[in-house]
N, C-alpha and C. Protein backbone atom coordinates (compact mmCIF):
# COMPACT_ATOMS: atom_id res chain seq x y z
N MET A 1 7.90 6.54 13.20
CA MET A 1 6.54 6.06 13.15
C MET A 1 5.59 7.24 13.34
N LEU A 2 4.64 7.37 12.43
CA LEU A 2 3.66 8.44 12.53
C LEU A 2 2.58 8.08 13.56
N SER A 3 2.12 9.06 14.27
CA SER A 3 1.03 8.84 15.22
C SER A 3 -0.31 8.86 14.48
N THR A 4 -1.35 8.40 15.16
CA THR A 4 -2.69 8.45 14.58
C THR A 4 -3.06 9.88 14.21
N LYS A 5 -2.74 10.81 15.08
CA LYS A 5 -3.05 12.22 14.82
C LYS A 5 -2.32 12.71 13.57
N GLU A 6 -1.04 12.37 13.44
CA GLU A 6 -0.27 12.81 12.27
C GLU A 6 -0.84 12.20 10.98
N ILE A 7 -1.23 10.93 11.04
CA ILE A 7 -1.82 10.28 9.87
C ILE A 7 -3.12 10.98 9.49
N GLU A 8 -3.96 11.25 10.46
CA GLU A 8 -5.24 11.90 10.17
C GLU A 8 -5.05 13.33 9.66
N GLU A 9 -4.01 14.01 10.12
CA GLU A 9 -3.73 15.37 9.65
C GLU A 9 -3.20 15.39 8.22
N MET A 10 -2.76 14.25 7.71
CA MET A 10 -2.26 14.16 6.34
C MET A 10 -3.39 14.13 5.32
N HIS A 11 -4.62 13.92 5.76
CA HIS A 11 -5.80 13.87 4.88
C HIS A 11 -5.64 12.82 3.79
N ILE A 12 -5.24 11.65 4.19
CA ILE A 12 -5.10 10.51 3.28
C ILE A 12 -6.49 10.02 2.91
N ALA A 13 -6.69 9.76 1.63
CA ALA A 13 -7.97 9.22 1.16
C ALA A 13 -7.89 7.69 1.21
N PHE A 14 -8.61 7.10 2.13
CA PHE A 14 -8.63 5.65 2.27
C PHE A 14 -9.85 5.08 1.56
N ASP A 15 -9.64 4.00 0.85
CA ASP A 15 -10.72 3.26 0.20
C ASP A 15 -10.72 1.86 0.80
N PHE A 16 -11.74 1.58 1.61
CA PHE A 16 -11.85 0.29 2.28
C PHE A 16 -12.88 -0.62 1.59
N SER A 17 -13.29 -0.28 0.37
CA SER A 17 -14.38 -0.98 -0.29
C SER A 17 -13.97 -2.31 -0.93
N ARG A 18 -12.69 -2.58 -1.00
CA ARG A 18 -12.20 -3.82 -1.60
C ARG A 18 -11.68 -4.75 -0.51
N GLN A 19 -11.18 -5.90 -0.93
CA GLN A 19 -10.56 -6.82 0.03
C GLN A 19 -9.16 -6.35 0.42
N TYR A 20 -8.71 -5.30 -0.20
CA TYR A 20 -7.47 -4.63 0.16
C TYR A 20 -7.78 -3.15 0.30
N THR A 21 -6.93 -2.44 1.01
CA THR A 21 -7.15 -1.02 1.25
C THR A 21 -6.24 -0.20 0.34
N VAL A 22 -6.83 0.82 -0.26
CA VAL A 22 -6.05 1.77 -1.05
C VAL A 22 -5.96 3.06 -0.25
N ALA A 23 -4.73 3.54 -0.09
CA ALA A 23 -4.49 4.80 0.62
C ALA A 23 -3.81 5.77 -0.34
N ARG A 24 -4.49 6.84 -0.67
CA ARG A 24 -3.92 7.86 -1.55
C ARG A 24 -3.39 9.00 -0.67
N VAL A 25 -2.09 9.10 -0.66
CA VAL A 25 -1.40 10.04 0.22
C VAL A 25 -1.11 11.32 -0.56
N PRO A 26 -1.65 12.46 -0.13
CA PRO A 26 -1.49 13.71 -0.89
C PRO A 26 -0.16 14.41 -0.63
N LYS A 27 0.90 13.65 -0.74
CA LYS A 27 2.23 14.21 -0.52
C LYS A 27 3.19 13.58 -1.52
N LYS A 28 4.14 14.37 -2.02
CA LYS A 28 5.15 13.86 -2.94
C LYS A 28 6.35 13.34 -2.16
N TYR A 29 6.95 12.29 -2.70
CA TYR A 29 8.15 11.70 -2.10
C TYR A 29 9.21 11.55 -3.18
N ARG A 30 10.44 11.54 -2.76
CA ARG A 30 11.57 11.42 -3.69
C ARG A 30 11.51 10.11 -4.47
N ASP A 31 11.22 9.02 -3.77
CA ASP A 31 11.13 7.71 -4.39
C ASP A 31 10.32 6.79 -3.49
N ALA A 32 10.08 5.57 -3.97
CA ALA A 32 9.26 4.62 -3.20
C ALA A 32 9.91 4.24 -1.88
N ASP A 33 11.23 4.15 -1.83
CA ASP A 33 11.90 3.85 -0.57
C ASP A 33 11.59 4.89 0.49
N GLN A 34 11.70 6.16 0.12
CA GLN A 34 11.41 7.23 1.07
C GLN A 34 9.94 7.19 1.48
N PHE A 35 9.06 6.96 0.52
CA PHE A 35 7.63 6.87 0.79
C PHE A 35 7.33 5.77 1.81
N ALA A 36 7.94 4.61 1.60
CA ALA A 36 7.72 3.48 2.51
C ALA A 36 8.19 3.83 3.92
N LEU A 37 9.40 4.35 4.03
CA LEU A 37 9.98 4.64 5.34
C LEU A 37 9.28 5.79 6.05
N ASP A 38 8.97 6.86 5.32
CA ASP A 38 8.40 8.06 5.94
C ASP A 38 6.91 7.94 6.24
N CYS A 39 6.22 7.02 5.54
CA CYS A 39 4.77 7.02 5.67
C CYS A 39 4.14 5.63 5.75
N VAL A 40 4.40 4.79 4.77
CA VAL A 40 3.60 3.58 4.59
C VAL A 40 3.72 2.59 5.75
N TYR A 41 4.92 2.42 6.28
CA TYR A 41 5.06 1.48 7.40
C TYR A 41 4.21 1.90 8.59
N SER A 42 3.92 3.17 8.74
CA SER A 42 3.06 3.65 9.82
C SER A 42 1.58 3.43 9.52
N LEU A 43 1.23 3.30 8.25
CA LEU A 43 -0.17 3.16 7.89
C LEU A 43 -0.74 1.78 8.21
N ARG A 44 0.11 0.77 8.19
CA ARG A 44 -0.38 -0.59 8.41
C ARG A 44 -1.11 -0.75 9.74
N PRO A 45 -0.52 -0.37 10.88
CA PRO A 45 -1.28 -0.50 12.14
C PRO A 45 -2.52 0.39 12.18
N TYR A 46 -2.45 1.54 11.53
CA TYR A 46 -3.60 2.43 11.48
C TYR A 46 -4.76 1.75 10.74
N VAL A 47 -4.47 1.16 9.59
CA VAL A 47 -5.49 0.45 8.80
C VAL A 47 -6.02 -0.75 9.58
N ALA A 48 -5.13 -1.49 10.22
CA ALA A 48 -5.57 -2.64 11.02
C ALA A 48 -6.55 -2.21 12.10
N ASP A 49 -6.26 -1.09 12.77
CA ASP A 49 -7.18 -0.58 13.79
C ASP A 49 -8.52 -0.18 13.19
N LYS A 50 -8.49 0.49 12.04
CA LYS A 50 -9.73 0.93 11.39
C LYS A 50 -10.59 -0.26 10.98
N LEU A 51 -9.95 -1.34 10.52
CA LEU A 51 -10.68 -2.51 10.06
C LEU A 51 -10.92 -3.53 11.18
N ASN A 52 -10.35 -3.25 12.33
CA ASN A 52 -10.44 -4.15 13.48
C ASN A 52 -9.93 -5.55 13.13
N ILE A 53 -8.75 -5.59 12.52
CA ILE A 53 -8.11 -6.85 12.17
C ILE A 53 -6.66 -6.81 12.65
N ASP A 54 -6.01 -7.95 12.61
CA ASP A 54 -4.60 -8.04 12.96
C ASP A 54 -3.76 -7.42 11.85
N CYS A 55 -2.64 -6.81 12.20
CA CYS A 55 -1.75 -6.20 11.21
C CYS A 55 -1.35 -7.18 10.11
N SER A 56 -1.19 -8.44 10.47
CA SER A 56 -0.75 -9.43 9.49
C SER A 56 -1.80 -9.68 8.41
N GLU A 57 -3.03 -9.26 8.65
CA GLU A 57 -4.11 -9.45 7.67
C GLU A 57 -4.28 -8.26 6.74
N VAL A 58 -3.59 -7.18 6.99
CA VAL A 58 -3.72 -5.96 6.18
C VAL A 58 -3.07 -6.16 4.82
N ILE A 59 -3.82 -5.81 3.79
CA ILE A 59 -3.29 -5.72 2.43
C ILE A 59 -3.46 -4.26 2.05
N LEU A 60 -2.36 -3.56 1.92
CA LEU A 60 -2.38 -2.11 1.74
C LEU A 60 -1.70 -1.73 0.44
N VAL A 61 -2.37 -0.91 -0.33
CA VAL A 61 -1.78 -0.31 -1.53
C VAL A 61 -1.74 1.18 -1.26
N ALA A 62 -0.55 1.71 -1.06
CA ALA A 62 -0.38 3.13 -0.78
C ALA A 62 0.16 3.81 -2.03
N ILE A 63 -0.45 4.93 -2.38
CA ILE A 63 -0.08 5.67 -3.59
C ILE A 63 0.22 7.10 -3.18
N SER A 64 1.41 7.56 -3.52
CA SER A 64 1.80 8.94 -3.20
C SER A 64 1.30 9.89 -4.29
N LYS A 65 1.34 11.17 -4.00
CA LYS A 65 0.95 12.19 -4.98
C LYS A 65 1.85 12.14 -6.20
N SER A 66 3.09 11.67 -6.02
CA SER A 66 4.03 11.56 -7.13
C SER A 66 4.01 10.16 -7.75
N ASN A 67 2.96 9.38 -7.45
CA ASN A 67 2.68 8.07 -8.05
C ASN A 67 3.65 6.95 -7.71
N GLN A 68 4.38 7.06 -6.61
CA GLN A 68 5.07 5.88 -6.11
C GLN A 68 4.01 5.00 -5.48
N VAL A 69 4.19 3.70 -5.60
CA VAL A 69 3.22 2.76 -5.05
C VAL A 69 3.94 1.76 -4.17
N ILE A 70 3.33 1.48 -3.02
CA ILE A 70 3.82 0.44 -2.12
C ILE A 70 2.68 -0.54 -1.92
N VAL A 71 2.94 -1.81 -2.21
CA VAL A 71 2.00 -2.87 -1.86
C VAL A 71 2.59 -3.54 -0.64
N PHE A 72 1.84 -3.50 0.45
CA PHE A 72 2.35 -3.95 1.73
C PHE A 72 1.42 -5.02 2.29
N CYS A 73 1.90 -6.26 2.34
CA CYS A 73 1.11 -7.35 2.92
C CYS A 73 2.03 -8.50 3.30
N ASP A 74 1.59 -9.27 4.26
CA ASP A 74 2.37 -10.42 4.71
C ASP A 74 2.18 -11.63 3.81
N GLU A 75 1.10 -11.66 3.06
CA GLU A 75 0.77 -12.81 2.22
C GLU A 75 1.71 -12.89 1.01
N GLY A 76 2.63 -13.83 1.06
CA GLY A 76 3.61 -13.99 -0.02
C GLY A 76 3.00 -14.33 -1.36
N LEU A 77 1.89 -15.05 -1.38
CA LEU A 77 1.25 -15.42 -2.64
C LEU A 77 0.81 -14.18 -3.42
N ILE A 78 0.29 -13.20 -2.74
CA ILE A 78 -0.13 -11.95 -3.41
C ILE A 78 1.08 -11.26 -4.01
N ARG A 79 2.13 -11.12 -3.24
CA ARG A 79 3.34 -10.46 -3.75
C ARG A 79 3.96 -11.26 -4.89
N ASN A 80 3.93 -12.60 -4.79
CA ASN A 80 4.47 -13.43 -5.87
C ASN A 80 3.69 -13.26 -7.16
N ARG A 81 2.38 -13.17 -7.05
CA ARG A 81 1.56 -12.98 -8.26
C ARG A 81 1.79 -11.61 -8.88
N LEU A 82 2.00 -10.60 -8.05
CA LEU A 82 2.34 -9.28 -8.59
C LEU A 82 3.73 -9.31 -9.22
N TYR A 83 4.64 -10.06 -8.62
CA TYR A 83 5.98 -10.18 -9.18
C TYR A 83 5.93 -10.79 -10.59
N GLU A 84 5.10 -11.81 -10.76
CA GLU A 84 4.98 -12.46 -12.07
C GLU A 84 4.58 -11.46 -13.15
N PHE A 85 3.79 -10.47 -12.79
CA PHE A 85 3.30 -9.51 -13.76
C PHE A 85 4.22 -8.29 -13.90
N PHE A 86 4.71 -7.76 -12.78
CA PHE A 86 5.47 -6.51 -12.81
C PHE A 86 6.98 -6.69 -12.61
N HIS A 87 7.42 -7.88 -12.24
CA HIS A 87 8.84 -8.19 -12.04
C HIS A 87 9.52 -7.28 -11.02
N GLN A 88 8.77 -6.97 -9.97
CA GLN A 88 9.31 -6.16 -8.88
C GLN A 88 9.42 -7.04 -7.64
N PRO A 89 10.63 -7.31 -7.15
CA PRO A 89 10.77 -8.19 -5.99
C PRO A 89 10.28 -7.52 -4.70
N SER A 90 10.00 -8.36 -3.73
CA SER A 90 9.58 -7.88 -2.42
C SER A 90 10.79 -7.56 -1.56
N ILE A 91 10.62 -6.59 -0.70
CA ILE A 91 11.58 -6.30 0.35
C ILE A 91 10.82 -6.54 1.65
N GLY A 92 11.00 -7.72 2.20
CA GLY A 92 10.18 -8.10 3.35
C GLY A 92 8.74 -8.25 2.91
N SER A 93 7.84 -7.55 3.55
CA SER A 93 6.41 -7.62 3.23
C SER A 93 5.97 -6.54 2.25
N ALA A 94 6.90 -5.86 1.64
CA ALA A 94 6.55 -4.74 0.76
C ALA A 94 7.14 -4.90 -0.63
N GLN A 95 6.37 -4.42 -1.59
CA GLN A 95 6.87 -4.25 -2.95
C GLN A 95 6.81 -2.76 -3.25
N LEU A 96 7.92 -2.21 -3.73
CA LEU A 96 8.02 -0.79 -3.97
C LEU A 96 8.08 -0.53 -5.47
N TYR A 97 7.22 0.37 -5.93
CA TYR A 97 7.13 0.68 -7.36
C TYR A 97 7.36 2.17 -7.57
N ASN A 98 8.33 2.49 -8.40
CA ASN A 98 8.58 3.88 -8.78
C ASN A 98 8.05 4.20 -10.16
N ASP A 99 7.98 3.20 -11.04
CA ASP A 99 7.72 3.45 -12.46
C ASP A 99 6.52 2.71 -13.03
N ILE A 100 5.63 2.24 -12.19
CA ILE A 100 4.44 1.53 -12.64
C ILE A 100 3.23 2.39 -12.29
N LYS A 101 2.34 2.59 -13.25
CA LYS A 101 1.14 3.38 -12.98
C LYS A 101 0.29 2.69 -11.91
N PRO A 102 -0.15 3.45 -10.91
CA PRO A 102 -0.95 2.87 -9.84
C PRO A 102 -2.18 2.12 -10.35
N GLU A 103 -2.80 2.64 -11.40
CA GLU A 103 -4.01 2.00 -11.93
C GLU A 103 -3.73 0.58 -12.42
N LEU A 104 -2.54 0.33 -12.95
CA LEU A 104 -2.18 -1.01 -13.41
C LEU A 104 -2.08 -1.99 -12.25
N ILE A 105 -1.52 -1.53 -11.16
CA ILE A 105 -1.39 -2.39 -9.97
C ILE A 105 -2.78 -2.68 -9.39
N ILE A 106 -3.62 -1.65 -9.30
CA ILE A 106 -4.97 -1.85 -8.79
C ILE A 106 -5.76 -2.77 -9.70
N LYS A 107 -5.61 -2.60 -10.99
CA LYS A 107 -6.32 -3.48 -11.94
C LYS A 107 -5.90 -4.93 -11.75
N ARG A 108 -4.61 -5.17 -11.54
CA ARG A 108 -4.11 -6.53 -11.33
C ARG A 108 -4.65 -7.10 -10.01
N LEU A 109 -4.66 -6.29 -8.96
CA LEU A 109 -5.20 -6.75 -7.68
C LEU A 109 -6.71 -7.02 -7.78
N ASP A 110 -7.42 -6.20 -8.53
CA ASP A 110 -8.85 -6.43 -8.71
C ASP A 110 -9.12 -7.78 -9.37
N LYS A 111 -8.23 -8.19 -10.26
CA LYS A 111 -8.38 -9.52 -10.89
C LYS A 111 -8.11 -10.62 -9.87
N MET A 112 -7.23 -10.36 -8.93
CA MET A 112 -6.91 -11.34 -7.89
C MET A 112 -8.01 -11.42 -6.83
N PHE A 113 -8.73 -10.29 -6.64
CA PHE A 113 -9.78 -10.20 -5.63
C PHE A 113 -11.08 -9.73 -6.28
N PRO A 114 -11.73 -10.59 -7.05
CA PRO A 114 -12.99 -10.15 -7.68
C PRO A 114 -14.06 -9.87 -6.62
N LYS A 115 -14.90 -8.89 -6.92
CA LYS A 115 -15.95 -8.50 -5.96
C LYS A 115 -17.06 -9.51 -5.94
């Protein structure tokens, strides 16, 4: 688990302007599994603290420098709707993407969460 200090030292670009948070992590990872384990699972409590919400309410889209994407949320309906479009199953509260362009996932989420 990364500490708050370690997360802040990574210079992650957070976008809190939507109903979900986008975190662009300026580091390359071997694959989405490694990205999730080494980084993303630690970001959820950090984002919850920043937004002053419970961890279970966090909807996080984390994008690595090598374009792996993790959609991390407890809401099964969101993951199910992404599954219908991208055919990527959930592993617990996370969907891991190695071969889908991040912009496509964000575009799909934007349709689910209109401003």
